[in-house]
Protein backbone atom coordinates (compact mmCIF):
# COMPACT_ATOMS: atom_id res chain seq x y z
CA UNK A 1 0.00 0.00 0.00
CA UNK A 2 2.78 2.44 0.97
CA UNK A 3 4.73 1.55 -2.16
CA UNK A 4 1.63 2.19 -4.25
CA UNK A 5 1.13 5.63 -2.70
CA UNK A 6 4.79 6.49 -3.30
CA UNK A 7 4.44 5.46 -6.96
CA UNK A 8 1.40 7.70 -7.38
CA UNK A 9 3.23 10.62 -5.74
CA UNK A 10 6.22 10.16 -8.05
CA UNK A 11 3.94 10.12 -11.08
CA UNK A 12 2.17 13.27 -9.90
CA UNK A 13 5.53 15.00 -9.43
CA UNK A 14 6.55 14.07 -12.98
CA UNK A 15 3.23 15.38 -14.27
CA UNK A 16 3.77 18.71 -12.50
CA UNK A 17 7.16 19.05 -14.20
CA UNK A 18 5.62 18.31 -17.58
CA UNK A 19 2.88 20.89 -16.99
CA UNK A 20 5.50 23.47 -16.00
CA UNK A 21 7.53 22.86 -19.16
CA UNK A 22 4.57 22.60 -21.54
CA UNK A 23 4.37 26.32 -22.43
CA UNK A 24 8.08 26.31 -23.30
CA UNK A 25 7.68 23.21 -25.46
CA UNK A 26 4.66 24.64 -27.25
CA UNK A 27 6.26 28.03 -27.73
CA UNK A 28 9.47 26.69 -29.18
CA UNK A 29 8.21 23.58 -30.90
CA UNK A 30 10.30 22.81 -33.92
CA UNK A 31 13.44 24.02 -32.16
CA UNK A 32 16.10 21.52 -31.17
CA UNK A 33 17.33 23.90 -28.46
CA UNK A 34 16.02 23.66 -24.91
CA UNK A 35 15.22 27.20 -23.76
CA UNK A 36 16.69 27.92 -20.34
CA UNK A 37 14.95 30.53 -18.17
CA UNK A 38 16.55 33.97 -18.29
CA UNK A 39 16.29 37.12 -16.18
CA UNK A 40 16.89 40.44 -17.94
CA UNK A 41 17.16 43.95 -16.53
CA UNK A 42 16.90 47.37 -18.19
CA UNK A 43 20.06 49.40 -17.59
CA UNK A 44 20.23 53.13 -18.32
CA UNK A 45 23.61 54.18 -19.66
CA UNK A 46 22.65 57.84 -20.00
CA UNK A 47 24.28 59.26 -16.86
CA UNK A 48 27.25 61.63 -17.08
CA UNK A 49 28.93 63.99 -14.62
CA UNK A 50 30.94 67.16 -15.01
CA UNK A 51 33.76 65.59 -12.99
CA UNK A 52 34.16 62.59 -15.32
CA UNK A 53 32.69 63.75 -18.65
CA UNK A 54 32.82 67.53 -18.50
CA UNK A 55 29.04 67.71 -18.76
CA UNK A 56 26.11 66.65 -16.60
CA UNK A 57 23.55 64.31 -18.17
CA UNK A 58 20.32 63.12 -16.56
CA UNK A 59 21.22 64.06 -12.98
CA UNK A 60 20.30 67.54 -14.09
CA UNK A 61 16.79 67.48 -15.48
CA UNK A 62 14.00 69.70 -16.68
CA UNK A 63 11.07 70.53 -14.41
CA UNK A 64 7.76 72.02 -15.55
CA UNK A 65 9.31 73.22 -18.78
CA UNK A 66 12.42 74.64 -17.10
CA UNK A 67 15.47 72.83 -18.55
CA UNK A 68 17.46 73.76 -15.43
CA UNK A 69 14.78 72.82 -12.93
CA UNK A 70 17.03 70.26 -11.26
CA UNK A 71 20.69 71.25 -11.60
CA UNK A 72 22.16 67.91 -10.51
CA UNK A 73 24.57 67.36 -7.64
CA UNK A 74 22.42 67.10 -4.52
CA UNK A 75 19.30 68.23 -6.41
CA UNK A 76 18.49 65.63 -9.08
CA UNK A 77 15.46 64.81 -11.23
CA UNK A 78 14.37 61.85 -9.12
CA UNK A 79 12.46 61.06 -5.93
CA UNK A 80 15.21 58.74 -4.64
CA UNK A 81 18.94 59.42 -4.35
CA UNK A 82 21.56 56.82 -5.33
CA UNK A 83 23.88 55.46 -2.65
CA UNK A 84 26.77 55.98 -5.09
CA UNK A 85 25.80 59.61 -5.66
CA UNK A 86 25.88 61.19 -9.12
CA UNK A 87 27.88 58.89 -11.38
CA UNK A 88 28.95 58.44 -14.98
CA UNK A 89 28.07 55.29 -16.90
CA UNK A 90 31.24 55.96 -18.89
CA UNK A 91 33.33 55.32 -15.77
CA UNK A 92 34.69 51.74 -15.85
CA UNK A 93 35.13 51.65 -12.07
CA UNK A 94 31.49 52.63 -11.53
CA UNK A 95 30.23 50.30 -14.27
CA UNK A 96 32.27 47.47 -12.77
CA UNK A 97 30.51 48.00 -9.44
CA UNK A 98 27.15 47.94 -11.19
CA UNK A 99 27.90 44.76 -13.14
CA UNK A 100 29.02 43.00 -9.97
CA UNK A 101 25.79 44.04 -8.24
CA UNK A 102 23.81 42.76 -11.21
CA UNK A 103 25.66 39.44 -11.32
CA UNK A 104 25.27 38.95 -7.57
CA UNK A 105 21.52 39.56 -7.96
CA UNK A 106 21.31 36.61 -10.37
CA UNK A 107 20.49 38.68 -13.47
CA UNK A 108 21.63 37.09 -16.73
CA UNK A 109 21.67 40.11 -19.04
CA UNK A 110 21.26 43.88 -19.03
CA UNK A 111 19.60 45.75 -21.88
CA UNK A 112 20.97 49.22 -22.57
CA UNK A 113 19.06 52.23 -23.79
CA UNK A 114 19.81 52.75 -27.51
CA UNK A 115 19.24 56.16 -29.09
CA UNK A 116 21.42 55.75 -32.17
CA UNK A 117 25.12 55.45 -32.94
CA UNK A 118 25.66 59.22 -32.77
CA UNK A 119 23.98 59.66 -29.40
CA UNK A 120 26.10 60.43 -26.35
CA UNK A 121 24.99 57.18 -24.68
CA UNK A 122 26.87 55.13 -27.30
CA UNK A 123 30.19 56.14 -25.71
CA UNK A 124 29.47 53.93 -22.70
CA UNK A 125 28.78 50.72 -24.63
CA UNK A 126 32.38 49.40 -24.97
CA UNK A 127 32.97 50.12 -21.27
CA UNK A 128 29.81 48.28 -20.26
CA UNK A 129 30.60 45.29 -22.48
CA UNK A 130 34.10 44.96 -21.00
CA UNK A 131 32.93 45.24 -17.40
CA UNK A 132 29.97 42.93 -18.02
CA UNK A 133 32.33 40.28 -19.36
CA UNK A 134 34.37 40.41 -16.14
CA UNK A 135 31.19 39.93 -14.09
CA UNK A 136 29.70 37.19 -16.29
CA UNK A 137 26.76 39.34 -17.41
CA UNK A 138 25.52 39.60 -21.01
CA UNK A 139 24.54 42.83 -22.75
CA UNK A 140 21.69 43.58 -25.17
CA UNK A 141 19.76 46.64 -26.32
CA UNK A 142 16.37 48.31 -25.98
CA UNK A 143 15.79 50.46 -29.06
CA UNK A 144 14.20 53.73 -28.01
CA UNK A 145 11.83 56.02 -29.99
CA UNK A 146 14.46 58.46 -31.23
CA UNK A 147 13.49 61.13 -33.76
CA UNK A 148 12.24 59.77 -37.09
CA UNK A 149 12.61 56.16 -36.01
CA UNK A 150 11.04 53.68 -38.43
CA UNK A 151 11.27 49.93 -39.01
CA UNK A 152 13.90 50.62 -41.67
CA UNK A 153 16.04 52.70 -39.30
CA UNK A 154 15.67 49.96 -36.67
CA UNK A 155 16.95 47.47 -39.24
CA UNK A 156 19.95 49.74 -39.80
CA UNK A 157 20.45 50.02 -36.03
CA UNK A 158 20.49 46.25 -35.69
CA UNK A 159 23.02 45.89 -38.49
CA UNK A 160 25.27 48.50 -36.90
CA UNK A 161 24.95 47.02 -33.40
CA UNK A 162 25.69 43.46 -34.53
CA UNK A 163 28.59 44.54 -36.75
CA UNK A 164 30.09 46.77 -34.05
CA UNK A 165 29.46 44.82 -30.85
CA UNK A 166 28.24 41.38 -31.87
CA UNK A 167 31.62 39.66 -31.59
CA UNK A 168 32.24 40.86 -28.05
CA UNK A 169 32.06 37.91 -25.63
CA UNK A 170 29.54 39.77 -23.46
CA UNK A 171 27.07 40.41 -26.30
CA UNK A 172 23.77 38.65 -25.61
CA UNK A 173 22.74 35.75 -27.82
CA UNK A 174 19.82 33.46 -27.08
CA UNK A 175 20.13 29.71 -26.70
CA UNK A 176 19.33 29.63 -30.41
CA UNK A 177 22.34 31.92 -31.09
CA UNK A 178 20.23 34.95 -31.97
CA UNK A 179 20.44 38.49 -30.58
CA UNK A 180 17.37 39.88 -28.85
CA UNK A 181 16.16 43.46 -29.25
CA UNK A 182 13.44 45.16 -27.24
CA UNK A 183 11.65 47.85 -29.25
CA UNK A 184 10.14 50.45 -26.96
CA UNK A 185 6.91 52.10 -28.13
CA UNK A 186 6.76 49.77 -31.14
CA UNK A 187 3.17 50.92 -31.74
CA UNK A 188 4.50 54.22 -33.12
CA UNK A 189 4.89 52.46 -36.48
CA UNK A 190 2.08 50.54 -38.15
CA UNK A 191 2.04 46.74 -38.22
CA UNK A 192 2.29 46.77 -42.02
CA UNK A 193 5.47 48.86 -41.83
CA UNK A 194 7.05 46.49 -39.31
CA UNK A 195 6.02 43.55 -41.47
CA UNK A 196 8.18 44.83 -44.33
CA UNK A 197 11.22 44.20 -42.10
CA UNK A 198 10.13 41.50 -39.65
CA UNK A 199 8.08 39.14 -41.82
CA UNK A 200 9.92 36.58 -43.99
CA UNK A 201 8.07 37.84 -47.08
CA UNK A 202 8.66 41.54 -46.38
CA UNK A 203 10.31 43.60 -49.12
CA UNK A 204 13.06 44.65 -46.69
CA UNK A 205 13.04 41.54 -44.53
CA UNK A 206 15.78 40.95 -42.00
CA UNK A 207 14.80 37.30 -41.65
CA UNK A 208 17.31 34.62 -42.64
CA UNK A 209 20.07 37.19 -42.90
CA UNK A 210 23.13 37.62 -40.70
CA UNK A 211 21.12 40.16 -38.69
CA UNK A 212 18.06 38.07 -37.88
CA UNK A 213 17.13 38.31 -34.21
CA UNK A 214 14.32 37.99 -31.72
CA UNK A 215 12.40 41.27 -31.88
CA UNK A 216 10.25 42.04 -28.85
CA UNK A 217 7.64 44.81 -29.15
CA UNK A 218 5.85 46.69 -26.39
CA UNK A 219 2.36 45.48 -25.44
CA UNK A 220 0.50 48.38 -23.82
CA UNK A 221 -3.30 48.12 -24.19
CA UNK A 222 -5.74 45.22 -24.21
CA UNK A 223 -6.30 45.17 -27.96
CA UNK A 224 -2.76 44.57 -29.23
CA UNK A 225 -3.38 41.05 -30.56
CA UNK A 226 -3.78 41.93 -34.23
CA UNK A 227 -0.75 44.22 -34.19
CA UNK A 228 1.49 41.41 -32.98
CA UNK A 229 -0.06 38.94 -35.41
CA UNK A 230 0.50 41.20 -38.42
CA UNK A 231 3.75 42.98 -37.58
CA UNK A 232 6.15 40.05 -37.51
CA UNK A 233 7.43 40.66 -33.99
CA UNK A 234 8.69 37.51 -32.29
CA UNK A 235 7.12 38.48 -29.01
CA UNK A 236 6.20 41.26 -26.64
CA UNK A 237 7.08 42.73 -23.27
CA UNK A 238 5.25 44.98 -20.82
CA UNK A 239 8.03 47.31 -19.52
CA UNK A 240 5.83 49.52 -17.32
CA UNK A 241 5.61 48.66 -13.62
CA UNK A 242 2.78 50.87 -12.44
CA UNK A 243 -0.03 48.33 -12.15
CA UNK A 244 -2.68 50.99 -12.75
CA UNK A 245 -1.05 52.49 -15.85
CA UNK A 246 -2.07 50.16 -18.68
CA UNK A 247 -3.43 46.69 -19.44
CA UNK A 248 0.02 45.23 -20.02
CA UNK A 249 1.48 46.56 -16.78
CA UNK A 250 -1.26 44.92 -14.70
CA UNK A 251 0.03 41.45 -13.76
CA UNK A 252 -3.52 40.18 -13.35
CA UNK A 253 -3.70 40.18 -17.17
CA UNK A 254 -0.52 38.21 -17.72
CA UNK A 255 -2.02 34.72 -17.67
CA UNK A 256 -4.21 35.65 -20.66
CA UNK A 257 -1.26 37.26 -22.42
CA UNK A 258 0.91 34.19 -21.92
CA UNK A 259 -1.87 31.90 -23.13
CA UNK A 260 -2.21 33.98 -26.29
CA UNK A 261 1.58 34.00 -26.74
CA UNK A 262 1.77 30.21 -26.57
CA UNK A 263 -1.14 29.79 -28.99
CA UNK A 264 0.51 32.15 -31.48
CA UNK A 265 4.12 31.00 -30.96
CA UNK A 266 5.22 34.33 -29.52
CA UNK A 267 7.62 35.12 -26.70
CA UNK A 268 6.04 36.86 -23.70
CA UNK A 269 8.41 38.70 -21.36
CA UNK A 270 6.57 40.04 -18.29
CA UNK A 271 8.32 42.95 -16.58
CA UNK A 272 8.54 43.29 -12.81
CA UNK A 273 9.52 46.29 -10.73
CA UNK A 274 9.73 47.50 -7.13
CA UNK A 275 7.41 50.51 -7.46
CA UNK A 276 6.90 53.66 -9.51
CA UNK A 277 7.22 57.37 -8.85
CA UNK A 278 8.18 60.16 -11.27
CA UNK A 279 6.57 63.07 -9.43
CA UNK A 280 9.68 65.27 -9.40
CA UNK A 281 9.84 65.36 -13.20
CA UNK A 282 6.16 64.69 -13.97
CA UNK A 283 4.08 66.05 -11.07
CA UNK A 284 0.96 65.67 -13.22
CA UNK A 285 1.47 61.88 -13.30
CA UNK A 286 0.93 61.20 -9.60
CA UNK A 287 -2.06 58.92 -10.36
CA UNK A 288 0.42 56.29 -11.55
CA UNK A 289 2.62 56.42 -8.44
CA UNK A 290 2.93 53.02 -6.79
CA UNK A 291 4.40 52.67 -3.30
CA UNK A 292 7.08 50.04 -2.75
CA UNK A 293 5.21 48.93 0.37
CA UNK A 294 8.44 47.76 2.03
CA UNK A 295 9.13 45.29 -0.77
CA UNK A 296 5.64 43.75 -0.96
CA UNK A 297 4.92 45.40 -4.33
CA UNK A 298 8.04 43.83 -5.87
CA UNK A 299 7.22 40.42 -4.38
CA UNK A 300 3.73 40.48 -5.85
CA UNK A 301 5.05 41.25 -9.33
CA UNK A 302 7.59 38.44 -9.09
CA UNK A 303 5.06 35.88 -7.88
CA UNK A 304 2.73 36.67 -10.77
CA UNK A 305 5.55 36.64 -13.32
CA UNK A 306 6.70 33.20 -12.18
CA UNK A 307 3.11 31.93 -12.18
CA UNK A 308 2.62 32.54 -15.92
CA UNK A 309 5.55 30.21 -16.72
CA UNK A 310 7.19 32.29 -19.42
CA UNK A 311 10.86 31.35 -19.82
CA UNK A 312 11.80 35.02 -19.39
CA UNK A 313 11.33 37.81 -16.85
CA UNK A 314 12.65 41.37 -17.24
CA UNK A 315 13.22 43.83 -14.41
CA UNK A 316 12.29 47.49 -14.83
CA UNK A 317 14.83 48.67 -13.87
CA UNK A 318 18.35 48.67 -12.48
CA UNK A 319 18.75 52.45 -12.55
CA UNK A 320 15.90 54.42 -14.13
CA UNK A 321 16.03 56.93 -11.29
CA UNK A 322 13.67 59.46 -12.89
CA UNK A 323 10.75 57.02 -12.64
CA UNK A 324 11.71 55.48 -9.29
CA UNK A 325 11.82 51.93 -10.65
CA UNK A 326 15.43 51.27 -9.67
CA UNK A 327 16.68 48.26 -7.71
CA UNK A 328 20.09 49.94 -7.36
CA UNK A 329 20.85 50.96 -3.75
CA UNK A 330 19.41 54.29 -2.58
CA UNK A 331 20.30 56.25 0.55
CA UNK A 332 18.47 58.71 2.80
CA UNK A 333 19.14 62.32 1.82
CA UNK A 334 17.68 65.71 2.59
CA UNK A 335 18.26 69.04 0.87
CA UNK A 336 16.71 72.44 1.39
CA UNK A 337 13.03 72.13 0.59
CA UNK A 338 13.02 68.42 -0.25
CA UNK A 339 13.55 65.05 1.42
CA UNK A 340 14.31 62.13 -0.88
CA UNK A 341 12.54 58.84 -0.47
CA UNK A 342 14.61 55.86 0.63
CA UNK A 343 14.16 52.16 1.39
CA UNK A 344 13.91 52.45 5.19
CA UNK A 345 13.26 50.37 7.25
CA UNK A 346 14.88 48.09 4.66
CA UNK A 347 18.60 48.20 3.88
CA UNK A 348 20.01 50.32 1.05
CA UNK A 349 20.70 47.17 -0.98
CA UNK A 350 17.46 45.36 -0.10
CA UNK A 351 16.15 45.23 -3.67
CA UNK A 352 19.34 43.62 -4.93
CA UNK A 353 19.23 40.91 -2.28
CA UNK A 354 15.51 40.42 -2.83
CA UNK A 355 16.12 40.15 -6.56
CA UNK A 356 18.58 37.34 -5.81
CA UNK A 357 15.88 35.57 -3.80
CA UNK A 358 13.46 35.72 -6.74
CA UNK A 359 15.98 34.93 -9.46
CA UNK A 360 16.99 31.84 -7.51
CA UNK A 361 13.37 30.72 -7.46
CA UNK A 362 12.77 31.51 -11.11
CA UNK A 363 16.01 29.98 -12.35
CA UNK A 364 15.60 26.99 -10.00
CA UNK A 365 18.94 27.51 -8.27
């Protein structure tokens, strides 16, 4: 009798494993490569300081139309203040610290903000690749909505990125040896325009060329299904981490989104974050502020991301300080007329250690 019960329990355990893996099998059927779970994180390489770069970027920030509203230094365009102070993402010592934090948190790859090869952020890319290699972290790109962006300019971006950085040992390739590109605000171009580049039959197709990749568009509202069917995107992500902002950012909708992704052989990458606040730079946006609730908000996002059984999770963000989504350490700070938020009663590095807890669970370590 006992032996019979043990046999049933073993069979049930095997069945649970099969059920867990089923979405991955269905999504990637036809592939000989087993897809291993991955954790990504959005990394903002747009910070510069006068001390290191001769100019201040993004610590100084506009406010209510005033380009000098926040001058930087102690008075920055953010509601939290970084433990490392104002820093430059061109500084290899600083970037090395970041990459070690990211590796220790169990994150597999960071995705940089890409505004074009002539943008000031491009200067940091070789530094980040070199420091990421030392830490065992991979590097990819999120293509931003720069001026006059189109599917054809994105194709040119991909060609440039792969040609310039693709041979670096830290450059991110999937288990199927393909780069992955997030395309922020992909809805700004029509599905038919994307299809010209992303569909195999498109007149300017990138498919089955040396620059083919996994292209992940941004799912915002509840009626995006046809766009992702027609556009040729390989999948979609949610980016935003204010649960009340849009359909895609509400994790209660993710089970339906993952079900649709599996049925249509798309990749779904849910995005988790510790909270949201951008009231210093967008005071009119306070309706979307989401308290961190001493870490409970982050935990809830992670639990719901794991529950949908996508092979990927992305974290918004490591260091998007303007929108208060960072997991990078923050410290208490007060200046004349303003007191920055901090993580108290939690430690400065709580969100890094908590990320490690969740990445261990997701990656089954």
